[in-house]
Amino acid sequence: MSRDRLQSQRFELKYIIKDNLALAIRDFVASYLELDEFAATRPDLSYPVHSLYLDSDVYTLYQRTINGNKNRYKLRLRFYENRPGAPVYCEIKSRHDNTISKQRGAIHRDAVDTVLAGQLPEESQMASDDPKHLLALQNFVQYVNELRARPRVHVAYLREAWMPSGGGNAVRVTMDRKVRSCPEPTARLVAEMDDPVFVFGDMVVLELKFTGRFPDWFADLVRVFGLRQTSAAKYVDGVELLEEKHILNQGFRPTGSGFARERARKVRPSGLAFGEYQSPTST
């Protein structure tokens, strides 16, 4: 994936929906956006995304999320394929009140161990000469050192992404399917997963992302399909489910309020008739 369409700062709204509703929303969104070039030729119009999340021994970043800290961040190594020459992205995803910001620096795979050891890679190990990537790596390494962060959980899913024609990035819609999670204490960075759990079952995570004013047609989408905003934190909900199933034994009990807890309380998913699509003419 050569072109970087990262939204460095944005607002995002999340919804958990059934797949039949996602297919109807796809038709709606196609009137305003075009399919991401990387997904257009793939099965189900989706490309694979893999993230290796880092955290401290006591899961500090996880705890900050479930405690509702307004200013928090996550650390992850993101990759899209097993190919040795494919870059790995060191990402910092931060939340400041209601604003999401992302930084990422691209490196070659032979630099991963260096970064996890809390050191900056050599220039030859950088996969991008963009100064923003170097700054992101400096910040990433600083956080790794402060937390003594290490690989904890591998999260993967299939992403269907829509964006404006002409390469704009002010608005983006993504739908993530088959979100799965498994413990991963190493930096092997392979797409294969060992007996993962499906974090949201067969549900789809819909995200509406925008950098400025909430688009009018986003409001129409939410109204027409009866969407209800919810939490869908892939890393946090994955940790909760893994621990709940005694797969992740780290000596603590999650006390969050993510999807795993909502599921236990039998909160239903977003969408008309609780996810069963009805055409606009019948509502």
C-alpha atoms as a PDB file:
ATOM      1  CA  MET A   1       0.000   0.000   0.000  1.00  0.00           C
ATOM      2  CA  SER A   2       2.021   2.902  -1.281  1.00  0.00           C
ATOM      3  CA  ARG A   3      -0.279   5.858  -0.909  1.00  0.00           C
ATOM      4  CA  ASP A   4      -0.823   7.091   2.642  1.00  0.00           C
ATOM      5  CA  ARG A   5      -4.349   8.437   3.134  1.00  0.00           C
ATOM      6  CA  LEU A   6      -4.078   8.771   6.884  1.00  0.00           C
ATOM      7  CA  GLN A   7      -6.477  11.250   8.480  1.00  0.00           C
ATOM      8  CA  SER A   8      -4.071  12.791  10.985  1.00  0.00           C
ATOM      9  CA  GLN A   9      -6.862  14.460  12.991  1.00  0.00           C
ATOM     10  CA  ARG A  10     -10.554  13.678  12.871  1.00  0.00           C
ATOM     11  CA  PHE A  11     -13.824  12.974  14.601  1.00  0.00           C
ATOM     12  CA  GLU A  12     -15.248   9.477  14.394  1.00  0.00           C
ATOM     13  CA  LEU A  13     -18.593   7.900  15.237  1.00  0.00           C
ATOM     14  CA  LYS A  14     -18.955   4.126  15.608  1.00  0.00           C
ATOM     15  CA  TYR A  15     -21.901   1.803  15.179  1.00  0.00           C
ATOM     16  CA  ILE A  16     -22.226  -1.986  15.482  1.00  0.00           C
ATOM     17  CA  ILE A  17     -24.579  -3.317  12.824  1.00  0.00           C
ATOM     18  CA  LYS A  18     -25.669  -6.525  11.136  1.00  0.00           C
ATOM     19  CA  ASP A  19     -24.225  -7.413   7.754  1.00  0.00           C
ATOM     20  CA  ASN A  20     -27.500  -7.036   5.829  1.00  0.00           C
ATOM     21  CA  LEU A  21     -27.707  -3.473   7.097  1.00  0.00           C
ATOM     22  CA  ALA A  22     -24.073  -2.894   6.122  1.00  0.00           C
ATOM     23  CA  LEU A  23     -24.858  -3.948   2.554  1.00  0.00           C
ATOM     24  CA  ALA A  24     -27.704  -1.435   2.375  1.00  0.00           C
ATOM     25  CA  ILE A  25     -25.469   1.291   3.823  1.00  0.00           C
ATOM     26  CA  ARG A  26     -22.878   0.425   1.162  1.00  0.00           C
ATOM     27  CA  ASP A  27     -25.410   1.314  -1.538  1.00  0.00           C
ATOM     28  CA  PHE A  28     -26.219   4.594   0.225  1.00  0.00           C
ATOM     29  CA  VAL A  29     -22.573   5.580   0.712  1.00  0.00           C
ATOM     30  CA  ALA A  30     -21.725   4.775  -2.935  1.00  0.00           C
ATOM     31  CA  SER A  31     -23.797   7.817  -3.956  1.00  0.00           C
ATOM     32  CA  TYR A  32     -21.309  10.105  -2.181  1.00  0.00           C
ATOM     33  CA  LEU A  33     -17.958   8.303  -1.991  1.00  0.00           C
ATOM     34  CA  GLU A  34     -15.872   5.871  -3.990  1.00  0.00           C
ATOM     35  CA  LEU A  35     -14.396   2.586  -2.891  1.00  0.00           C
ATOM     36  CA  ASP A  36     -10.810   2.571  -1.697  1.00  0.00           C
ATOM     37  CA  GLU A  37      -8.513   1.469  -4.512  1.00  0.00           C
ATOM     38  CA  PHE A  38      -7.002  -1.301  -2.385  1.00  0.00           C
ATOM     39  CA  ALA A  39     -10.399  -2.876  -1.730  1.00  0.00           C
ATOM     40  CA  ALA A  40     -12.023  -2.494  -5.146  1.00  0.00           C
ATOM     41  CA  THR A  41     -10.665  -5.716  -6.631  1.00  0.00           C
ATOM     42  CA  ARG A  42     -10.749  -7.870  -3.491  1.00  0.00           C
ATOM     43  CA  PRO A  43     -13.395 -10.344  -2.343  1.00  0.00           C
ATOM     44  CA  ASP A  44     -16.177  -8.637  -0.379  1.00  0.00           C
ATOM     45  CA  LEU A  45     -14.594  -5.293  -1.377  1.00  0.00           C
ATOM     46  CA  SER A  46     -12.375  -5.490   1.713  1.00  0.00           C
ATOM     47  CA  TYR A  47      -8.656  -5.667   2.424  1.00  0.00           C
ATOM     48  CA  PRO A  48      -7.038  -7.252   5.509  1.00  0.00           C
ATOM     49  CA  VAL A  49      -5.742  -5.096   8.355  1.00  0.00           C
ATOM     50  CA  HIS A  50      -3.472  -6.436  11.090  1.00  0.00           C
ATOM     51  CA  SER A  51      -2.457  -4.575  14.249  1.00  0.00           C
ATOM     52  CA  LEU A  52      -0.117  -5.763  16.977  1.00  0.00           C
ATOM     53  CA  TYR A  53      -1.010  -3.733  20.069  1.00  0.00           C
ATOM     54  CA  LEU A  54       1.626  -2.832  22.626  1.00  0.00           C
ATOM     55  CA  ASP A  55       1.008  -2.220  26.303  1.00  0.00           C
ATOM     56  CA  SER A  56       2.772  -2.302  29.656  1.00  0.00           C
ATOM     57  CA  ASP A  57       2.956  -5.342  31.924  1.00  0.00           C
ATOM     58  CA  VAL A  58      -0.116  -4.063  33.808  1.00  0.00           C
ATOM     59  CA  TYR A  59      -1.964  -3.006  30.652  1.00  0.00           C
ATOM     60  CA  THR A  60      -1.780   0.715  31.369  1.00  0.00           C
ATOM     61  CA  LEU A  61      -3.227   1.808  28.012  1.00  0.00           C
ATOM     62  CA  TYR A  62      -6.103  -0.634  28.301  1.00  0.00           C
ATOM     63  CA  GLN A  63      -6.872   0.618  31.810  1.00  0.00           C
ATOM     64  CA  ARG A  64      -6.871   4.256  30.705  1.00  0.00           C
ATOM     65  CA  THR A  65      -9.510   3.476  28.124  1.00  0.00           C
ATOM     66  CA  ILE A  66     -11.877   1.598  30.436  1.00  0.00           C
ATOM     67  CA  ASN A  67     -11.397   4.314  33.062  1.00  0.00           C
ATOM     68  CA  GLY A  68     -12.628   6.853  30.518  1.00  0.00           C
ATOM     69  CA  ASN A  69      -9.530   9.083  30.519  1.00  0.00           C
ATOM     70  CA  LYS A  70     -10.261  11.981  28.177  1.00  0.00           C
ATOM     71  CA  ASN A  71      -6.667  12.136  26.985  1.00  0.00           C
ATOM     72  CA  ARG A  72      -5.246   8.743  26.112  1.00  0.00           C
ATOM     73  CA  TYR A  73      -3.467   6.860  23.363  1.00  0.00           C
ATOM     74  CA  LYS A  74      -2.763   3.405  21.984  1.00  0.00           C
ATOM     75  CA  LEU A  75       0.414   1.992  20.456  1.00  0.00           C
ATOM     76  CA  ARG A  76       0.349  -0.510  17.636  1.00  0.00           C
ATOM     77  CA  LEU A  77       2.363  -1.980  14.798  1.00  0.00           C
ATOM     78  CA  ARG A  78       0.151  -2.128  11.714  1.00  0.00           C
ATOM     79  CA  PHE A  79       0.751  -4.282   8.661  1.00  0.00           C
ATOM     80  CA  TYR A  80      -1.324  -5.536   5.761  1.00  0.00           C
ATOM     81  CA  GLU A  81       0.438  -8.634   4.449  1.00  0.00           C
ATOM     82  CA  ASN A  82       3.160 -11.180   5.147  1.00  0.00           C
ATOM     83  CA  ARG A  83       5.405 -10.074   2.275  1.00  0.00           C
ATOM     84  CA  PRO A  84       8.917  -9.433   3.705  1.00  0.00           C
ATOM     85  CA  GLY A  85       9.332  -6.206   1.749  1.00  0.00           C
ATOM     86  CA  ALA A  86       6.018  -4.720   2.905  1.00  0.00           C
ATOM     87  CA  PRO A  87       6.363  -1.826   5.376  1.00  0.00           C
ATOM     88  CA  VAL A  88       5.270  -1.884   8.991  1.00  0.00           C
ATOM     89  CA  TYR A  89       3.642   1.225  10.442  1.00  0.00           C
ATOM     90  CA  CYS A  90       4.394   2.305  14.017  1.00  0.00           C
ATOM     91  CA  GLU A  91       1.167   4.061  14.979  1.00  0.00           C
ATOM     92  CA  ILE A  92       0.052   6.259  17.846  1.00  0.00           C
ATOM     93  CA  LYS A  93      -3.711   6.732  18.008  1.00  0.00           C
ATOM     94  CA  SER A  94      -4.593   9.455  20.499  1.00  0.00           C
ATOM     95  CA  ARG A  95      -7.854  10.790  21.864  1.00  0.00           C
ATOM     96  CA  HIS A  96      -8.129  14.339  23.226  1.00  0.00           C
ATOM     97  CA  ASP A  97     -11.679  14.869  24.457  1.00  0.00           C
ATOM     98  CA  ASN A  98     -13.711  14.019  21.321  1.00  0.00           C
ATOM     99  CA  THR A  99     -10.929  14.446  18.771  1.00  0.00           C
ATOM    100  CA  ILE A 100      -8.929  11.545  17.364  1.00  0.00           C
ATOM    101  CA  SER A 101      -5.396  12.083  16.080  1.00  0.00           C
ATOM    102  CA  LYS A 102      -3.038   9.593  14.475  1.00  0.00           C
ATOM    103  CA  GLN A 103       0.672   9.565  13.843  1.00  0.00           C
ATOM    104  CA  ARG A 104       2.544   6.841  12.067  1.00  0.00           C
ATOM    105  CA  GLY A 105       6.025   6.118  10.868  1.00  0.00           C
ATOM    106  CA  ALA A 106       6.798   3.507   8.221  1.00  0.00           C
ATOM    107  CA  ILE A 107       9.734   1.160   8.779  1.00  0.00           C
ATOM    108  CA  HIS A 108      11.163  -1.971   7.195  1.00  0.00           C
ATOM    109  CA  ARG A 109      10.611  -5.221   9.047  1.00  0.00           C
ATOM    110  CA  ASP A 110      14.228  -5.517  10.078  1.00  0.00           C
ATOM    111  CA  ALA A 111      13.734  -2.386  12.199  1.00  0.00           C
ATOM    112  CA  VAL A 112      10.881  -3.738  14.340  1.00  0.00           C
ATOM    113  CA  ASP A 113      13.105  -5.255  17.020  1.00  0.00           C
ATOM    114  CA  THR A 114      15.105  -2.024  17.212  1.00  0.00           C
ATOM    115  CA  VAL A 115      11.974   0.046  17.779  1.00  0.00           C
ATOM    116  CA  LEU A 116      10.625  -2.374  20.392  1.00  0.00           C
ATOM    117  CA  ALA A 117      13.961  -2.107  22.186  1.00  0.00           C
ATOM    118  CA  GLY A 118      13.276   1.627  22.528  1.00  0.00           C
ATOM    119  CA  GLN A 119      15.679   2.845  19.860  1.00  0.00           C
ATOM    120  CA  LEU A 120      15.258   4.761  16.633  1.00  0.00           C
ATOM    121  CA  PRO A 121      15.958   2.754  13.474  1.00  0.00           C
ATOM    122  CA  GLU A 122      18.795   3.524  11.106  1.00  0.00           C
ATOM    123  CA  GLU A 123      18.002   5.718   8.118  1.00  0.00           C
ATOM    124  CA  SER A 124      18.277   2.670   5.843  1.00  0.00           C
ATOM    125  CA  GLN A 125      15.576   0.951   7.920  1.00  0.00           C
ATOM    126  CA  MET A 126      13.049   3.726   7.335  1.00  0.00           C
ATOM    127  CA  ALA A 127      10.396   2.991   4.709  1.00  0.00           C
ATOM    128  CA  SER A 128       9.578   6.690   4.220  1.00  0.00           C
ATOM    129  CA  ASP A 129      11.665   9.856   4.158  1.00  0.00           C
ATOM    130  CA  ASP A 130       8.681  12.036   5.116  1.00  0.00           C
ATOM    131  CA  PRO A 131       9.690  14.135   8.188  1.00  0.00           C
ATOM    132  CA  LYS A 132       6.280  13.410   9.722  1.00  0.00           C
ATOM    133  CA  HIS A 133       7.163   9.722   9.776  1.00  0.00           C
ATOM    134  CA  LEU A 134      10.414  10.396  11.613  1.00  0.00           C
ATOM    135  CA  LEU A 135       8.614  12.563  14.187  1.00  0.00           C
ATOM    136  CA  ALA A 136       6.001   9.848  14.692  1.00  0.00           C
ATOM    137  CA  LEU A 137       8.742   7.268  15.249  1.00  0.00           C
ATOM    138  CA  GLN A 138      10.483   9.492  17.779  1.00  0.00           C
ATOM    139  CA  ASN A 139       7.241   9.835  19.733  1.00  0.00           C
ATOM    140  CA  PHE A 140       6.489   6.127  19.391  1.00  0.00           C
ATOM    141  CA  VAL A 141       9.897   5.126  20.761  1.00  0.00           C
ATOM    142  CA  GLN A 142       9.500   7.585  23.635  1.00  0.00           C
ATOM    143  CA  TYR A 143       6.187   5.991  24.648  1.00  0.00           C
ATOM    144  CA  VAL A 144       7.648   2.496  24.334  1.00  0.00           C
ATOM    145  CA  ASN A 145      10.422   3.472  26.735  1.00  0.00           C
ATOM    146  CA  GLU A 146       8.127   5.257  29.194  1.00  0.00           C
ATOM    147  CA  LEU A 147       5.716   2.306  29.430  1.00  0.00           C
ATOM    148  CA  ARG A 148       8.199  -0.474  28.789  1.00  0.00           C
ATOM    149  CA  ALA A 149       5.565  -1.485  26.284  1.00  0.00           C
ATOM    150  CA  ARG A 150       5.689  -4.894  24.658  1.00  0.00           C
ATOM    151  CA  PRO A 151       3.516  -6.817  22.172  1.00  0.00           C
ATOM    152  CA  ARG A 152       0.299  -8.031  23.798  1.00  0.00           C
ATOM    153  CA  VAL A 153      -2.573  -8.664  21.384  1.00  0.00           C
ATOM    154  CA  HIS A 154      -2.964  -9.213  17.641  1.00  0.00           C
ATOM    155  CA  VAL A 155      -6.158  -7.710  16.211  1.00  0.00           C
ATOM    156  CA  ALA A 156      -7.212  -8.352  12.609  1.00  0.00           C
ATOM    157  CA  TYR A 157     -10.224  -7.638  10.433  1.00  0.00           C
ATOM    158  CA  LEU A 158     -11.381  -7.061   6.863  1.00  0.00           C
ATOM    159  CA  ARG A 159     -11.897  -3.388   6.026  1.00  0.00           C
ATOM    160  CA  GLU A 160     -14.242  -1.939   3.441  1.00  0.00           C
ATOM    161  CA  ALA A 161     -13.253   1.713   3.010  1.00  0.00           C
ATOM    162  CA  TRP A 162     -14.972   4.554   1.158  1.00  0.00           C
ATOM    163  CA  MET A 163     -13.520   8.010   0.485  1.00  0.00           C
ATOM    164  CA  PRO A 164     -14.102  11.078  -1.703  1.00  0.00           C
ATOM    165  CA  SER A 165     -13.245  10.877  -5.376  1.00  0.00           C
ATOM    166  CA  GLY A 166     -10.152  12.777  -6.419  1.00  0.00           C
ATOM    167  CA  GLY A 167      -8.118  11.773  -3.381  1.00  0.00           C
ATOM    168  CA  GLY A 168      -9.693  14.028  -0.751  1.00  0.00           C
ATOM    169  CA  ASN A 169      -9.594  12.897   2.840  1.00  0.00           C
ATOM    170  CA  ALA A 170     -12.051  15.096   4.730  1.00  0.00           C
ATOM    171  CA  VAL A 171     -14.637  12.313   4.944  1.00  0.00           C
ATOM    172  CA  ARG A 172     -14.234   8.563   5.208  1.00  0.00           C
ATOM    173  CA  VAL A 173     -16.551   5.635   5.880  1.00  0.00           C
ATOM    174  CA  THR A 174     -15.238   2.222   6.896  1.00  0.00           C
ATOM    175  CA  MET A 175     -16.927  -1.078   7.638  1.00  0.00           C
ATOM    176  CA  ASP A 176     -14.860  -3.688   9.472  1.00  0.00           C
ATOM    177  CA  ARG A 177     -15.871  -7.345   9.362  1.00  0.00           C
ATOM    178  CA  LYS A 178     -14.616 -10.473  11.114  1.00  0.00           C
ATOM    179  CA  VAL A 179     -12.845  -8.538  13.861  1.00  0.00           C
ATOM    180  CA  ARG A 180     -10.760 -11.093  15.714  1.00  0.00           C
ATOM    181  CA  SER A 181      -8.188 -11.056  18.453  1.00  0.00           C
ATOM    182  CA  CYS A 182      -5.590 -13.362  19.995  1.00  0.00           C
ATOM    183  CA  PRO A 183      -2.704 -13.005  22.446  1.00  0.00           C
ATOM    184  CA  GLU A 184       0.617 -12.278  20.740  1.00  0.00           C
ATOM    185  CA  PRO A 185       3.658 -11.655  22.958  1.00  0.00           C
ATOM    186  CA  THR A 186       6.141 -11.570  20.055  1.00  0.00           C
ATOM    187  CA  ALA A 187       6.753  -9.345  17.055  1.00  0.00           C
ATOM    188  CA  ARG A 188       6.573 -12.057  14.424  1.00  0.00           C
ATOM    189  CA  LEU A 189       4.079  -9.983  12.382  1.00  0.00           C
ATOM    190  CA  VAL A 190       2.352 -12.723  10.429  1.00  0.00           C
ATOM    191  CA  ALA A 191      -1.239 -12.636   9.241  1.00  0.00           C
ATOM    192  CA  GLU A 192      -2.030 -16.120  10.558  1.00  0.00           C
ATOM    193  CA  MET A 193      -3.606 -16.180  14.012  1.00  0.00           C
ATOM    194  CA  ASP A 194      -3.662 -18.897  16.658  1.00  0.00           C
ATOM    195  CA  ASP A 195      -7.263 -19.748  17.604  1.00  0.00           C
ATOM    196  CA  PRO A 196      -8.585 -16.147  17.644  1.00  0.00           C
ATOM    197  CA  VAL A 197     -11.825 -14.978  19.238  1.00  0.00           C
ATOM    198  CA  PHE A 198     -14.314 -12.980  17.194  1.00  0.00           C
ATOM    199  CA  VAL A 199     -14.679  -9.786  19.190  1.00  0.00           C
ATOM    200  CA  PHE A 200     -18.041  -8.663  17.792  1.00  0.00           C
ATOM    201  CA  GLY A 201     -19.288 -12.029  16.577  1.00  0.00           C
ATOM    202  CA  ASP A 202     -20.646 -11.724  13.042  1.00  0.00           C
ATOM    203  CA  MET A 203     -21.432  -8.025  13.468  1.00  0.00           C
ATOM    204  CA  VAL A 204     -19.892  -5.217  11.394  1.00  0.00           C
ATOM    205  CA  VAL A 205     -18.222  -2.139  12.892  1.00  0.00           C
ATOM    206  CA  LEU A 206     -19.281   0.943  10.939  1.00  0.00           C
ATOM    207  CA  GLU A 207     -17.228   4.114  11.411  1.00  0.00           C
ATOM    208  CA  LEU A 208     -18.093   7.585  10.119  1.00  0.00           C
ATOM    209  CA  LYS A 209     -14.952   9.737  10.056  1.00  0.00           C
ATOM    210  CA  PHE A 210     -14.712  13.418   9.256  1.00  0.00           C
ATOM    211  CA  THR A 211     -12.193  16.211   9.785  1.00  0.00           C
ATOM    212  CA  GLY A 212     -14.488  19.249   9.799  1.00  0.00           C
ATOM    213  CA  ARG A 213     -18.211  19.812  10.129  1.00  0.00           C
ATOM    214  CA  PHE A 214     -20.465  16.772  10.394  1.00  0.00           C
ATOM    215  CA  PRO A 215     -21.638  16.250   6.780  1.00  0.00           C
ATOM    216  CA  ASP A 216     -25.340  16.677   6.132  1.00  0.00           C
ATOM    217  CA  TRP A 217     -25.498  13.364   4.324  1.00  0.00           C
ATOM    218  CA  PHE A 218     -23.994  11.632   7.355  1.00  0.00           C
ATOM    219  CA  ALA A 219     -26.983  12.908   9.309  1.00  0.00           C
ATOM    220  CA  ASP A 220     -29.292  11.524   6.600  1.00  0.00           C
ATOM    221  CA  LEU A 221     -27.527   8.150   6.774  1.00  0.00           C
ATOM    222  CA  VAL A 222     -27.918   7.949  10.548  1.00  0.00           C
ATOM    223  CA  ARG A 223     -31.603   8.923  10.336  1.00  0.00           C
ATOM    224  CA  VAL A 224     -32.570   6.675   7.412  1.00  0.00           C
ATOM    225  CA  PHE A 225     -30.972   3.564   8.894  1.00  0.00           C
ATOM    226  CA  GLY A 226     -31.855   4.280  12.518  1.00  0.00           C
ATOM    227  CA  LEU A 227     -28.246   4.079  13.701  1.00  0.00           C
ATOM    228  CA  ARG A 228     -27.317   4.381  17.348  1.00  0.00           C
ATOM    229  CA  GLN A 229     -23.802   5.387  18.277  1.00  0.00           C
ATOM    230  CA  THR A 230     -21.888   2.978  20.506  1.00  0.00           C
ATOM    231  CA  SER A 231     -18.415   2.019  21.654  1.00  0.00           C
ATOM    232  CA  ALA A 232     -16.365  -0.385  19.536  1.00  0.00           C
ATOM    233  CA  ALA A 233     -12.787  -0.418  20.809  1.00  0.00           C
ATOM    234  CA  LYS A 234     -11.205  -3.381  19.043  1.00  0.00           C
ATOM    235  CA  TYR A 235      -8.180  -3.699  21.325  1.00  0.00           C
ATOM    236  CA  VAL A 236     -10.017  -3.103  24.611  1.00  0.00           C
ATOM    237  CA  ASP A 237     -13.032  -5.265  23.789  1.00  0.00           C
ATOM    238  CA  GLY A 238     -10.669  -7.950  22.520  1.00  0.00           C
ATOM    239  CA  VAL A 239      -8.708  -7.943  25.779  1.00  0.00           C
ATOM    240  CA  GLU A 240     -11.956  -8.203  27.757  1.00  0.00           C
ATOM    241  CA  LEU A 241     -13.199 -11.146  25.716  1.00  0.00           C
ATOM    242  CA  LEU A 242      -9.858 -12.967  25.803  1.00  0.00           C
ATOM    243  CA  GLU A 243      -9.649 -12.631  29.569  1.00  0.00           C
ATOM    244  CA  GLU A 244     -13.300 -13.550  29.932  1.00  0.00           C
ATOM    245  CA  LYS A 245     -12.545 -16.822  28.151  1.00  0.00           C
ATOM    246  CA  HIS A 246      -9.387 -17.320  30.247  1.00  0.00           C
ATOM    247  CA  ILE A 247      -7.214 -17.083  27.150  1.00  0.00           C
ATOM    248  CA  LEU A 248      -5.403 -13.982  28.328  1.00  0.00           C
ATOM    249  CA  ASN A 249      -4.162 -14.624  31.851  1.00  0.00           C
ATOM    250  CA  GLN A 250      -2.469 -11.477  33.061  1.00  0.00           C
ATOM    251  CA  GLY A 251      -3.548 -11.435  36.694  1.00  0.00           C
ATOM    252  CA  PHE A 252      -6.189  -8.723  36.441  1.00  0.00           C
ATOM    253  CA  ARG A 253      -9.921  -8.592  35.901  1.00  0.00           C
ATOM    254  CA  PRO A 254     -11.165  -6.188  33.217  1.00  0.00           C
ATOM    255  CA  THR A 255     -13.853  -3.864  34.497  1.00  0.00           C
ATOM    256  CA  GLY A 256     -14.647  -2.011  31.293  1.00  0.00           C
ATOM    257  CA  SER A 257     -17.925  -1.121  29.665  1.00  0.00           C
ATOM    258  CA  GLY A 258     -17.070  -2.089  26.092  1.00  0.00           C
ATOM    259  CA  PHE A 259     -18.896  -4.396  23.710  1.00  0.00           C
ATOM    260  CA  ALA A 260     -18.154  -7.511  25.769  1.00  0.00           C
ATOM    261  CA  ARG A 261     -19.954  -5.959  28.742  1.00  0.00           C
ATOM    262  CA  GLU A 262     -22.799  -4.673  26.582  1.00  0.00           C
ATOM    263  CA  ARG A 263     -23.209  -8.116  25.097  1.00  0.00           C
ATOM    264  CA  ALA A 264     -23.476  -9.557  28.608  1.00  0.00           C
ATOM    265  CA  ARG A 265     -26.238  -7.052  29.308  1.00  0.00           C
ATOM    266  CA  LYS A 266     -27.906  -8.051  26.011  1.00  0.00           C
ATOM    267  CA  VAL A 267     -27.756  -4.606  24.484  1.00  0.00           C
ATOM    268  CA  ARG A 268     -28.909  -4.940  20.893  1.00  0.00           C
ATOM    269  CA  PRO A 269     -26.969  -3.657  17.874  1.00  0.00           C
ATOM    270  CA  SER A 270     -27.592  -0.442  16.019  1.00  0.00           C
ATOM    271  CA  GLY A 271     -30.068  -0.200  13.162  1.00  0.00           C
ATOM    272  CA  LEU A 272     -33.742  -0.212  12.306  1.00  0.00           C
ATOM    273  CA  ALA A 273     -35.549  -3.146  13.892  1.00  0.00           C
ATOM    274  CA  PHE A 274     -32.318  -3.774  15.756  1.00  0.00           C
ATOM    275  CA  GLY A 275     -30.257  -4.269  12.602  1.00  0.00           C
ATOM    276  CA  GLU A 276     -32.895  -5.623  10.218  1.00  0.00           C
ATOM    277  CA  TYR A 277     -32.884  -3.319   7.211  1.00  0.00           C
ATOM    278  CA  GLN A 278     -36.030  -1.618   6.041  1.00  0.00           C
ATOM    279  CA  SER A 279     -36.019   0.404   2.855  1.00  0.00           C
ATOM    280  CA  PRO A 280     -36.483   4.195   3.247  1.00  0.00           C
ATOM    281  CA  THR A 281     -39.896   3.963   1.573  1.00  0.00           C
ATOM    282  CA  SER A 282     -41.180   1.661   4.308  1.00  0.00           C
ATOM    283  CA  THR A 283     -40.030   3.715   7.301  1.00  0.00           C
END
